[in-house]
C-alpha atoms as a PDB file:
ATOM      1  CA  UNK A   1     102.129 100.142  17.115  1.00  0.00           C
ATOM      2  CA  UNK A   2      98.569  99.140  17.882  1.00  0.00           C
ATOM      3  CA  UNK A   3      96.345  97.206  15.497  1.00  0.00           C
ATOM      4  CA  UNK A   4      93.080  98.317  13.984  1.00  0.00           C
ATOM      5  CA  UNK A   5      89.969  98.816  16.094  1.00  0.00           C
ATOM      6  CA  UNK A   6      88.376  95.773  14.453  1.00  0.00           C
ATOM      7  CA  UNK A   7      91.350  93.522  15.175  1.00  0.00           C
ATOM      8  CA  UNK A   8      91.596  94.618  18.810  1.00  0.00           C
ATOM      9  CA  UNK A   9      87.832  94.244  19.303  1.00  0.00           C
ATOM     10  CA  UNK A  10      88.054  90.665  18.039  1.00  0.00           C
ATOM     11  CA  UNK A  11      90.871  89.994  20.488  1.00  0.00           C
ATOM     12  CA  UNK A  12      88.751  91.416  23.319  1.00  0.00           C
ATOM     13  CA  UNK A  13      85.919  89.061  22.360  1.00  0.00           C
ATOM     14  CA  UNK A  14      88.307  86.147  22.878  1.00  0.00           C
ATOM     15  CA  UNK A  15      89.428  87.601  26.211  1.00  0.00           C
ATOM     16  CA  UNK A  16      85.803  88.079  27.287  1.00  0.00           C
ATOM     17  CA  UNK A  17      85.189  84.387  26.692  1.00  0.00           C
ATOM     18  CA  UNK A  18      88.268  83.520  28.733  1.00  0.00           C
ATOM     19  CA  UNK A  19      86.945  85.703  31.562  1.00  0.00           C
ATOM     20  CA  UNK A  20      83.563  83.953  31.358  1.00  0.00           C
ATOM     21  CA  UNK A  21      85.241  80.543  31.506  1.00  0.00           C
ATOM     22  CA  UNK A  22      87.304  81.646  34.484  1.00  0.00           C
ATOM     23  CA  UNK A  23      84.144  82.974  36.141  1.00  0.00           C
ATOM     24  CA  UNK A  24      82.567  79.533  35.928  1.00  0.00           C
ATOM     25  CA  UNK A  25      85.708  78.034  37.431  1.00  0.00           C
ATOM     26  CA  UNK A  26      85.642  80.612  40.222  1.00  0.00           C
ATOM     27  CA  UNK A  27      81.986  79.828  40.964  1.00  0.00           C
ATOM     28  CA  UNK A  28      82.559  76.067  41.191  1.00  0.00           C
ATOM     29  CA  UNK A  29      85.682  76.490  43.320  1.00  0.00           C
ATOM     30  CA  UNK A  30      83.938  78.874  45.705  1.00  0.00           C
ATOM     31  CA  UNK A  31      81.053  76.407  46.012  1.00  0.00           C
ATOM     32  CA  UNK A  32      83.483  73.729  47.194  1.00  0.00           C
ATOM     33  CA  UNK A  33      85.329  76.215  49.403  1.00  0.00           C
ATOM     34  CA  UNK A  34      82.191  77.537  51.118  1.00  0.00           C
ATOM     35  CA  UNK A  35      80.929  73.989  51.704  1.00  0.00           C
ATOM     36  CA  UNK A  36      84.195  73.077  53.433  1.00  0.00           C
ATOM     37  CA  UNK A  37      84.375  76.410  55.265  1.00  0.00           C
ATOM     38  CA  UNK A  38      80.812  76.062  56.525  1.00  0.00           C
ATOM     39  CA  UNK A  39      81.560  72.654  58.013  1.00  0.00           C
ATOM     40  CA  UNK A  40      84.753  73.995  59.599  1.00  0.00           C
ATOM     41  CA  UNK A  41      82.931  77.002  61.073  1.00  0.00           C
ATOM     42  CA  UNK A  42      80.279  74.709  62.519  1.00  0.00           C
ATOM     43  CA  UNK A  43      82.885  72.520  64.210  1.00  0.00           C
ATOM     44  CA  UNK A  44      85.101  75.338  65.457  1.00  0.00           C
ATOM     45  CA  UNK A  45      82.181  77.419  66.734  1.00  0.00           C
ATOM     46  CA  UNK A  46      80.935  74.503  68.841  1.00  0.00           C
ATOM     47  CA  UNK A  47      84.476  73.833  70.059  1.00  0.00           C
ATOM     48  CA  UNK A  48      84.928  77.495  71.002  1.00  0.00           C
ATOM     49  CA  UNK A  49      81.686  77.494  73.000  1.00  0.00           C
ATOM     50  CA  UNK A  50      82.872  74.330  74.734  1.00  0.00           C
ATOM     51  CA  UNK A  51      86.139  76.012  75.768  1.00  0.00           C
ATOM     52  CA  UNK A  52      84.316  79.121  77.022  1.00  0.00           C
ATOM     53  CA  UNK A  53      81.964  77.047  79.162  1.00  0.00           C
ATOM     54  CA  UNK A  54      84.451  74.516  80.533  1.00  0.00           C
ATOM     55  CA  UNK A  55      87.707  76.471  80.816  1.00  0.00           C
ATOM     56  CA  UNK A  56      86.967  80.207  80.854  1.00  0.00           C
ATOM     57  CA  UNK A  57      83.681  80.246  82.811  1.00  0.00           C
ATOM     58  CA  UNK A  58      83.246  76.761  84.360  1.00  0.00           C
ATOM     59  CA  UNK A  59      81.519  78.039  87.512  1.00  0.00           C
ATOM     60  CA  UNK A  60      78.905  79.970  85.541  1.00  0.00           C
ATOM     61  CA  UNK A  61      78.218  76.920  83.378  1.00  0.00           C
ATOM     62  CA  UNK A  62      77.898  74.643  86.414  1.00  0.00           C
ATOM     63  CA  UNK A  63      75.330  76.996  87.923  1.00  0.00           C
ATOM     64  CA  UNK A  64      72.951  76.170  85.068  1.00  0.00           C
ATOM     65  CA  UNK A  65      70.445  73.398  85.622  1.00  0.00           C
ATOM     66  CA  UNK A  66      70.624  70.299  83.440  1.00  0.00           C
ATOM     67  CA  UNK A  67      67.694  71.563  81.410  1.00  0.00           C
ATOM     68  CA  UNK A  68      69.346  74.951  80.905  1.00  0.00           C
ATOM     69  CA  UNK A  69      72.577  73.315  79.786  1.00  0.00           C
ATOM     70  CA  UNK A  70      70.743  71.144  77.290  1.00  0.00           C
ATOM     71  CA  UNK A  71      68.811  74.139  75.985  1.00  0.00           C
ATOM     72  CA  UNK A  72      72.029  76.150  75.648  1.00  0.00           C
ATOM     73  CA  UNK A  73      73.802  73.314  73.818  1.00  0.00           C
ATOM     74  CA  UNK A  74      70.890  72.931  71.416  1.00  0.00           C
ATOM     75  CA  UNK A  75      70.980  76.680  70.745  1.00  0.00           C
ATOM     76  CA  UNK A  76      74.697  76.417  69.966  1.00  0.00           C
ATOM     77  CA  UNK A  77      74.032  73.581  67.517  1.00  0.00           C
ATOM     78  CA  UNK A  78      71.224  75.570  65.888  1.00  0.00           C
ATOM     79  CA  UNK A  79      73.455  78.625  65.528  1.00  0.00           C
ATOM     80  CA  UNK A  80      76.271  76.542  64.042  1.00  0.00           C
ATOM     81  CA  UNK A  81      73.909  74.889  61.547  1.00  0.00           C
ATOM     82  CA  UNK A  82      72.406  78.245  60.606  1.00  0.00           C
ATOM     83  CA  UNK A  83      75.843  79.785  60.054  1.00  0.00           C
ATOM     84  CA  UNK A  84      76.818  76.873  57.821  1.00  0.00           C
ATOM     85  CA  UNK A  85      73.705  77.291  55.650  1.00  0.00           C
ATOM     86  CA  UNK A  86      73.893  81.080  55.473  1.00  0.00           C
ATOM     87  CA  UNK A  87      77.539  80.994  54.472  1.00  0.00           C
ATOM     88  CA  UNK A  88      76.814  78.853  51.412  1.00  0.00           C
ATOM     89  CA  UNK A  89      73.891  81.170  50.591  1.00  0.00           C
ATOM     90  CA  UNK A  90      76.384  84.013  50.060  1.00  0.00           C
ATOM     91  CA  UNK A  91      77.331  82.426  46.729  1.00  0.00           C
ATOM     92  CA  UNK A  92      75.313  84.247  44.061  1.00  0.00           C
ATOM     93  CA  UNK A  93      75.526  84.252  40.244  1.00  0.00           C
ATOM     94  CA  UNK A  94      78.376  86.397  38.946  1.00  0.00           C
ATOM     95  CA  UNK A  95      76.091  88.345  36.603  1.00  0.00           C
ATOM     96  CA  UNK A  96      73.659  89.291  39.407  1.00  0.00           C
ATOM     97  CA  UNK A  97      73.699  93.075  39.012  1.00  0.00           C
ATOM     98  CA  UNK A  98      71.203  93.591  41.841  1.00  0.00           C
ATOM     99  CA  UNK A  99      73.573  91.829  44.238  1.00  0.00           C
ATOM    100  CA  UNK A 100      76.499  93.990  43.108  1.00  0.00           C
ATOM    101  CA  UNK A 101      74.553  97.230  43.574  1.00  0.00           C
ATOM    102  CA  UNK A 102      73.212  96.073  46.946  1.00  0.00           C
ATOM    103  CA  UNK A 103      76.726  95.295  48.168  1.00  0.00           C
ATOM    104  CA  UNK A 104      77.900  98.734  47.096  1.00  0.00           C
ATOM    105  CA  UNK A 105      75.004 100.408  48.907  1.00  0.00           C
ATOM    106  CA  UNK A 106      75.539  98.505  52.146  1.00  0.00           C
ATOM    107  CA  UNK A 107      79.313  98.981  52.419  1.00  0.00           C
ATOM    108  CA  UNK A 108      78.945 102.138  54.509  1.00  0.00           C
ATOM    109  CA  UNK A 109      76.476 100.499  56.882  1.00  0.00           C
ATOM    110  CA  UNK A 110      78.771  97.521  57.368  1.00  0.00           C
ATOM    111  CA  UNK A 111      81.693  99.788  58.170  1.00  0.00           C
ATOM    112  CA  UNK A 112      79.571 101.640  60.734  1.00  0.00           C
ATOM    113  CA  UNK A 113      78.678  98.407  62.495  1.00  0.00           C
ATOM    114  CA  UNK A 114      82.037  96.686  62.433  1.00  0.00           C
ATOM    115  CA  UNK A 115      84.588  99.382  61.615  1.00  0.00           C
ATOM    116  CA  UNK A 116      83.738 102.485  63.598  1.00  0.00           C
ATOM    117  CA  UNK A 117      87.157 103.194  65.100  1.00  0.00           C
ATOM    118  CA  UNK A 118      89.428 102.719  62.091  1.00  0.00           C
ATOM    119  CA  UNK A 119      89.192 102.549  58.320  1.00  0.00           C
ATOM    120  CA  UNK A 120      91.246  99.369  58.363  1.00  0.00           C
ATOM    121  CA  UNK A 121      89.699  97.577  61.360  1.00  0.00           C
ATOM    122  CA  UNK A 122      87.907  94.725  59.681  1.00  0.00           C
ATOM    123  CA  UNK A 123      88.682  91.180  58.698  1.00  0.00           C
ATOM    124  CA  UNK A 124      90.890  92.465  55.906  1.00  0.00           C
ATOM    125  CA  UNK A 125      93.569  92.933  58.572  1.00  0.00           C
ATOM    126  CA  UNK A 126      93.743  89.197  58.867  1.00  0.00           C
ATOM    127  CA  UNK A 127      96.881  88.074  56.943  1.00  0.00           C
ATOM    128  CA  UNK A 128      94.933  85.736  54.658  1.00  0.00           C
ATOM    129  CA  UNK A 129      92.326  88.401  53.869  1.00  0.00           C
ATOM    130  CA  UNK A 130      95.013  91.048  53.222  1.00  0.00           C
ATOM    131  CA  UNK A 131      96.780  88.801  50.715  1.00  0.00           C
ATOM    132  CA  UNK A 132      93.481  88.109  48.945  1.00  0.00           C
ATOM    133  CA  UNK A 133      92.811  91.826  48.611  1.00  0.00           C
ATOM    134  CA  UNK A 134      96.327  92.623  47.407  1.00  0.00           C
ATOM    135  CA  UNK A 135      96.167  89.934  44.727  1.00  0.00           C
ATOM    136  CA  UNK A 136      93.408  91.881  42.953  1.00  0.00           C
ATOM    137  CA  UNK A 137      94.576  95.365  43.906  1.00  0.00           C
ATOM    138  CA  UNK A 138      95.537  96.264  40.354  1.00  0.00           C
ATOM    139  CA  UNK A 139      92.002  95.437  39.230  1.00  0.00           C
ATOM    140  CA  UNK A 140      90.066  96.962  42.101  1.00  0.00           C
ATOM    141  CA  UNK A 141      91.989 100.245  41.912  1.00  0.00           C
ATOM    142  CA  UNK A 142      91.602 100.558  38.143  1.00  0.00           C
ATOM    143  CA  UNK A 143      89.414 103.414  36.853  1.00  0.00           C
ATOM    144  CA  UNK A 144      87.169 100.896  35.062  1.00  0.00           C
ATOM    145  CA  UNK A 145      86.245  99.328  38.400  1.00  0.00           C
ATOM    146  CA  UNK A 146      84.456 102.520  39.422  1.00  0.00           C
ATOM    147  CA  UNK A 147      82.147 102.464  36.437  1.00  0.00           C
ATOM    148  CA  UNK A 148      78.371 102.149  36.941  1.00  0.00           C
ATOM    149  CA  UNK A 149      77.125  98.569  37.203  1.00  0.00           C
ATOM    150  CA  UNK A 150      75.347  98.741  33.844  1.00  0.00           C
ATOM    151  CA  UNK A 151      78.627  99.492  32.020  1.00  0.00           C
ATOM    152  CA  UNK A 152      80.866  96.942  33.741  1.00  0.00           C
ATOM    153  CA  UNK A 153      83.034  94.778  31.512  1.00  0.00           C
ATOM    154  CA  UNK A 154      83.104  91.028  32.222  1.00  0.00           C
ATOM    155  CA  UNK A 155      86.495  91.546  33.869  1.00  0.00           C
ATOM    156  CA  UNK A 156      85.165  94.345  36.100  1.00  0.00           C
ATOM    157  CA  UNK A 157      82.141  92.263  37.006  1.00  0.00           C
ATOM    158  CA  UNK A 158      84.140  89.198  37.999  1.00  0.00           C
ATOM    159  CA  UNK A 159      86.572  91.276  40.086  1.00  0.00           C
ATOM    160  CA  UNK A 160      83.721  93.034  41.901  1.00  0.00           C
ATOM    161  CA  UNK A 161      81.845  89.769  42.435  1.00  0.00           C
ATOM    162  CA  UNK A 162      84.906  88.138  43.999  1.00  0.00           C
ATOM    163  CA  UNK A 163      85.563  91.111  46.269  1.00  0.00           C
ATOM    164  CA  UNK A 164      81.923  91.252  47.378  1.00  0.00           C
ATOM    165  CA  UNK A 165      81.919  87.535  48.174  1.00  0.00           C
ATOM    166  CA  UNK A 166      85.074  87.801  50.297  1.00  0.00           C
ATOM    167  CA  UNK A 167      83.513  90.713  52.209  1.00  0.00           C
ATOM    168  CA  UNK A 168      80.341  88.686  52.733  1.00  0.00           C
ATOM    169  CA  UNK A 169      82.378  85.795  54.170  1.00  0.00           C
ATOM    170  CA  UNK A 170      84.166  88.137  56.582  1.00  0.00           C
ATOM    171  CA  UNK A 171      80.888  89.737  57.638  1.00  0.00           C
ATOM    172  CA  UNK A 172      79.262  86.337  58.218  1.00  0.00           C
ATOM    173  CA  UNK A 173      82.104  85.362  60.547  1.00  0.00           C
ATOM    174  CA  UNK A 174      81.604  88.582  62.494  1.00  0.00           C
ATOM    175  CA  UNK A 175      77.833  88.251  62.799  1.00  0.00           C
ATOM    176  CA  UNK A 176      78.142  84.586  63.813  1.00  0.00           C
ATOM    177  CA  UNK A 177      80.732  85.462  66.458  1.00  0.00           C
ATOM    178  CA  UNK A 178      78.470  88.209  67.800  1.00  0.00           C
ATOM    179  CA  UNK A 179      75.452  85.888  67.871  1.00  0.00           C
ATOM    180  CA  UNK A 180      77.455  83.291  69.806  1.00  0.00           C
ATOM    181  CA  UNK A 181      78.570  85.882  72.364  1.00  0.00           C
ATOM    182  CA  UNK A 182      74.983  87.074  72.779  1.00  0.00           C
ATOM    183  CA  UNK A 183      73.897  83.483  73.340  1.00  0.00           C
ATOM    184  CA  UNK A 184      76.575  83.044  76.002  1.00  0.00           C
ATOM    185  CA  UNK A 185      75.443  86.257  77.674  1.00  0.00           C
ATOM    186  CA  UNK A 186      71.753  85.349  77.566  1.00  0.00           C
ATOM    187  CA  UNK A 187      72.612  82.030  79.204  1.00  0.00           C
ATOM    188  CA  UNK A 188      74.457  84.001  81.944  1.00  0.00           C
ATOM    189  CA  UNK A 189      77.813  82.466  81.114  1.00  0.00           C
ATOM    190  CA  UNK A 190      79.236  85.787  79.976  1.00  0.00           C
ATOM    191  CA  UNK A 191      78.418  88.702  82.347  1.00  0.00           C
ATOM    192  CA  UNK A 192      74.751  89.554  82.000  1.00  0.00           C
ATOM    193  CA  UNK A 193      75.182  93.332  82.280  1.00  0.00           C
ATOM    194  CA  UNK A 194      78.011  93.549  79.782  1.00  0.00           C
ATOM    195  CA  UNK A 195      77.199  96.501  77.460  1.00  0.00           C
ATOM    196  CA  UNK A 196      76.096  95.610  73.943  1.00  0.00           C
ATOM    197  CA  UNK A 197      78.797  97.811  72.310  1.00  0.00           C
ATOM    198  CA  UNK A 198      81.446  95.714  74.065  1.00  0.00           C
ATOM    199  CA  UNK A 199      80.038  92.515  72.577  1.00  0.00           C
ATOM    200  CA  UNK A 200      79.956  94.121  69.142  1.00  0.00           C
ATOM    201  CA  UNK A 201      83.509  95.358  69.486  1.00  0.00           C
ATOM    202  CA  UNK A 202      84.728  91.906  70.489  1.00  0.00           C
ATOM    203  CA  UNK A 203      84.127  90.512  66.993  1.00  0.00           C
ATOM    204  CA  UNK A 204      86.370  93.071  65.269  1.00  0.00           C
ATOM    205  CA  UNK A 205      88.774  94.314  67.921  1.00  0.00           C
ATOM    206  CA  UNK A 206      92.452  94.213  66.975  1.00  0.00           C
ATOM    207  CA  UNK A 207      95.457  93.644  69.197  1.00  0.00           C
ATOM    208  CA  UNK A 208      93.586  91.163  71.368  1.00  0.00           C
ATOM    209  CA  UNK A 209      95.178  88.118  72.970  1.00  0.00           C
ATOM    210  CA  UNK A 210      94.082  84.807  71.406  1.00  0.00           C
ATOM    211  CA  UNK A 211      93.569  81.930  73.810  1.00  0.00           C
ATOM    212  CA  UNK A 212      96.257  79.257  73.643  1.00  0.00           C
ATOM    213  CA  UNK A 213      94.832  76.181  71.962  1.00  0.00           C
ATOM    214  CA  UNK A 214      91.856  78.023  70.478  1.00  0.00           C
ATOM    215  CA  UNK A 215      92.664  81.045  68.310  1.00  0.00           C
ATOM    216  CA  UNK A 216      88.936  81.686  67.771  1.00  0.00           C
ATOM    217  CA  UNK A 217      88.711  82.973  71.350  1.00  0.00           C
ATOM    218  CA  UNK A 218      90.134  86.253  72.550  1.00  0.00           C
ATOM    219  CA  UNK A 219      90.855  87.949  75.848  1.00  0.00           C
ATOM    220  CA  UNK A 220      89.618  91.481  76.449  1.00  0.00           C
ATOM    221  CA  UNK A 221      90.058  93.946  79.282  1.00  0.00           C
ATOM    222  CA  UNK A 222      87.111  96.325  79.156  1.00  0.00           C
ATOM    223  CA  UNK A 223      85.622  99.052  81.284  1.00  0.00           C
ATOM    224  CA  UNK A 224      82.079  98.351  82.426  1.00  0.00           C
ATOM    225  CA  UNK A 225      80.493 101.161  84.420  1.00  0.00           C
ATOM    226  CA  UNK A 226      78.025 100.195  87.079  1.00  0.00           C
ATOM    227  CA  UNK A 227      79.553  96.766  87.626  1.00  0.00           C
ATOM    228  CA  UNK A 228      80.297  96.104  91.285  1.00  0.00           C
ATOM    229  CA  UNK A 229      80.649  92.326  91.568  1.00  0.00           C
ATOM    230  CA  UNK A 230      84.092  91.069  92.599  1.00  0.00           C
ATOM    231  CA  UNK A 231      83.410  87.598  91.195  1.00  0.00           C
ATOM    232  CA  UNK A 232      84.316  88.687  87.656  1.00  0.00           C
ATOM    233  CA  UNK A 233      87.943  89.484  88.581  1.00  0.00           C
ATOM    234  CA  UNK A 234      87.519  93.253  88.261  1.00  0.00           C
ATOM    235  CA  UNK A 235      89.299  96.173  89.888  1.00  0.00           C
ATOM    236  CA  UNK A 236      87.640  99.563  90.273  1.00  0.00           C
ATOM    237  CA  UNK A 237      89.206 102.843  89.199  1.00  0.00           C
ATOM    238  CA  UNK A 238      87.416 106.204  89.272  1.00  0.00           C
ATOM    239  CA  UNK A 239      83.957 104.672  89.278  1.00  0.00           C
ATOM    240  CA  UNK A 240      84.788 102.311  86.391  1.00  0.00           C
ATOM    241  CA  UNK A 241      85.241  98.531  86.630  1.00  0.00           C
ATOM    242  CA  UNK A 242      87.887  96.655  84.693  1.00  0.00           C
ATOM    243  CA  UNK A 243      86.435  93.418  83.412  1.00  0.00           C
ATOM    244  CA  UNK A 244      88.460  90.483  82.078  1.00  0.00           C
ATOM    245  CA  UNK A 245      86.391  88.968  79.293  1.00  0.00           C
ATOM    246  CA  UNK A 246      86.818  85.878  77.118  1.00  0.00           C
ATOM    247  CA  UNK A 247      84.734  86.063  73.945  1.00  0.00           C
ATOM    248  CA  UNK A 248      84.344  84.217  70.660  1.00  0.00           C
ATOM    249  CA  UNK A 249      86.060  85.779  67.655  1.00  0.00           C
ATOM    250  CA  UNK A 250      86.029  83.517  64.601  1.00  0.00           C
ATOM    251  CA  UNK A 251      89.092  84.197  62.458  1.00  0.00           C
ATOM    252  CA  UNK A 252      89.134  83.136  58.825  1.00  0.00           C
ATOM    253  CA  UNK A 253      92.862  82.417  58.701  1.00  0.00           C
ATOM    254  CA  UNK A 254      92.685  80.231  61.816  1.00  0.00           C
ATOM    255  CA  UNK A 255      89.644  78.326  60.590  1.00  0.00           C
ATOM    256  CA  UNK A 256      91.398  77.592  57.294  1.00  0.00           C
ATOM    257  CA  UNK A 257      94.647  76.668  59.016  1.00  0.00           C
ATOM    258  CA  UNK A 258      92.941  74.180  61.309  1.00  0.00           C
ATOM    259  CA  UNK A 259      90.955  72.446  58.568  1.00  0.00           C
ATOM    260  CA  UNK A 260      92.904  70.748  55.773  1.00  0.00           C
ATOM    261  CA  UNK A 261      89.933  70.546  53.383  1.00  0.00           C
ATOM    262  CA  UNK A 262      89.191  74.259  53.678  1.00  0.00           C
ATOM    263  CA  UNK A 263      92.856  75.131  53.268  1.00  0.00           C
ATOM    264  CA  UNK A 264      93.115  72.993  50.130  1.00  0.00           C
ATOM    265  CA  UNK A 265      90.127  74.808  48.588  1.00  0.00           C
ATOM    266  CA  UNK A 266      91.585  78.197  49.564  1.00  0.00           C
ATOM    267  CA  UNK A 267      94.828  77.277  47.800  1.00  0.00           C
ATOM    268  CA  UNK A 268      92.833  76.489  44.658  1.00  0.00           C
ATOM    269  CA  UNK A 269      91.284  79.965  44.881  1.00  0.00           C
ATOM    270  CA  UNK A 270      94.725  81.536  45.240  1.00  0.00           C
ATOM    271  CA  UNK A 271      95.906  79.751  42.093  1.00  0.00           C
ATOM    272  CA  UNK A 272      92.828  80.972  40.239  1.00  0.00           C
ATOM    273  CA  UNK A 273      93.451  84.548  41.366  1.00  0.00           C
ATOM    274  CA  UNK A 274      97.000  84.444  40.051  1.00  0.00           C
ATOM    275  CA  UNK A 275      95.676  83.361  36.657  1.00  0.00           C
ATOM    276  CA  UNK A 276      93.030  86.084  36.908  1.00  0.00           C
ATOM    277  CA  UNK A 277      95.746  88.671  37.490  1.00  0.00           C
ATOM    278  CA  UNK A 278      97.548  87.645  34.315  1.00  0.00           C
ATOM    279  CA  UNK A 279      94.321  87.656  32.322  1.00  0.00           C
ATOM    280  CA  UNK A 280      93.388  91.022  33.792  1.00  0.00           C
ATOM    281  CA  UNK A 281      96.642  92.611  32.687  1.00  0.00           C
ATOM    282  CA  UNK A 282      96.179  91.304  29.151  1.00  0.00           C
ATOM    283  CA  UNK A 283      92.574  92.526  29.156  1.00  0.00           C
ATOM    284  CA  UNK A 284      93.419  96.029  30.331  1.00  0.00           C
ATOM    285  CA  UNK A 285      96.283  96.249  27.842  1.00  0.00           C
ATOM    286  CA  UNK A 286      93.896  95.443  24.994  1.00  0.00           C
ATOM    287  CA  UNK A 287      91.345  97.941  26.269  1.00  0.00           C
ATOM    288  CA  UNK A 288      93.980 100.667  26.219  1.00  0.00           C
ATOM    289  CA  UNK A 289      95.122  99.634  22.741  1.00  0.00           C
ATOM    290  CA  UNK A 290      91.532  99.894  21.498  1.00  0.00           C
ATOM    291  CA  UNK A 291      91.123 103.325  23.073  1.00  0.00           C
ATOM    292  CA  UNK A 292      94.335 104.478  21.354  1.00  0.00           C
ATOM    293  CA  UNK A 293      93.209 103.038  17.994  1.00  0.00           C
ATOM    294  CA  UNK A 294      89.785 104.700  18.324  1.00  0.00           C
ATOM    295  CA  UNK A 295      91.406 108.021  19.221  1.00  0.00           C
ATOM    296  CA  UNK A 296      93.707 107.756  16.192  1.00  0.00           C
ATOM    297  CA  UNK A 297      90.744 107.070  13.909  1.00  0.00           C
ATOM    298  CA  UNK A 298      88.857 110.002  15.447  1.00  0.00           C
ATOM    299  CA  UNK A 299      91.855 112.294  14.902  1.00  0.00           C
ATOM    300  CA  UNK A 300      92.174 111.313  11.258  1.00  0.00           C
ATOM    301  CA  UNK A 301      88.445 111.684  10.649  1.00  0.00           C
ATOM    302  CA  UNK A 302      88.451 115.346  11.667  1.00  0.00           C
ATOM    303  CA  UNK A 303      91.958 116.430  10.575  1.00  0.00           C
ATOM    304  CA  UNK A 304      92.098 118.579   7.489  1.00  0.00           C
ATOM    305  CA  UNK A 305      95.276 119.289   5.506  1.00  0.00           C
ATOM    306  CA  UNK A 306      96.093 122.887   4.743  1.00  0.00           C
END
């Protein structure tokens, strides 16, 4: 038997405060996490570029003059520093409704850029990202999550904020990987005439072979029409050239695994999400109880005895 509407509403006020307190804890924990992750991305991006230049394409790197090498290395440092700053900038206030609506509007565009071939081909396929999504599945699939932004409950808002932030992190890794591959191509370390769609695909392609010792690199075998050089290790079939390519593909799970500070902060987020699940179940239970109590009151207010 449910309580009165007034009693349940008072209980929801208490739960709303608990959600607000948890939101503050989420914000602080994400701030620490993104700081650690940004430093790890900076280090692992530079290390990945080093491996590409010295192990995958040493001859192409040696063909650069000393000035070109120095310019390339400075560009790598600039890109790494920029990625570190932009990653931390993804952290926005939880009650920023404009950010929430903007994220909803840009989801389709993001999927077009990074997810053309499959609904599931994105960083969510990464084991760590999949577990993060599943932890909040009961919230994100709830009918209340599809409500307009102006009618979101504090629970809805926090769930959507967390999901949007995780998507932003994944997207930043993809755009940084793509920028690094473009930089390698512009410096003529990666093949100069490699089609742009191939470089874009390299940051989200699945089933690729990671390079031993550096999981943020991948091996690709791609078709590049018009290529005729035998120096790239290609064979020709029916007018198409098969090109063996090594490209940068920053993976969130690998970055976390290889950096103890980032992994420790991620574990704190996982603990928070478990608590959020429990709170979310209690919250939704009380919402349903209030709806039942309101419906009962409405029934009694219009029922007439014969």
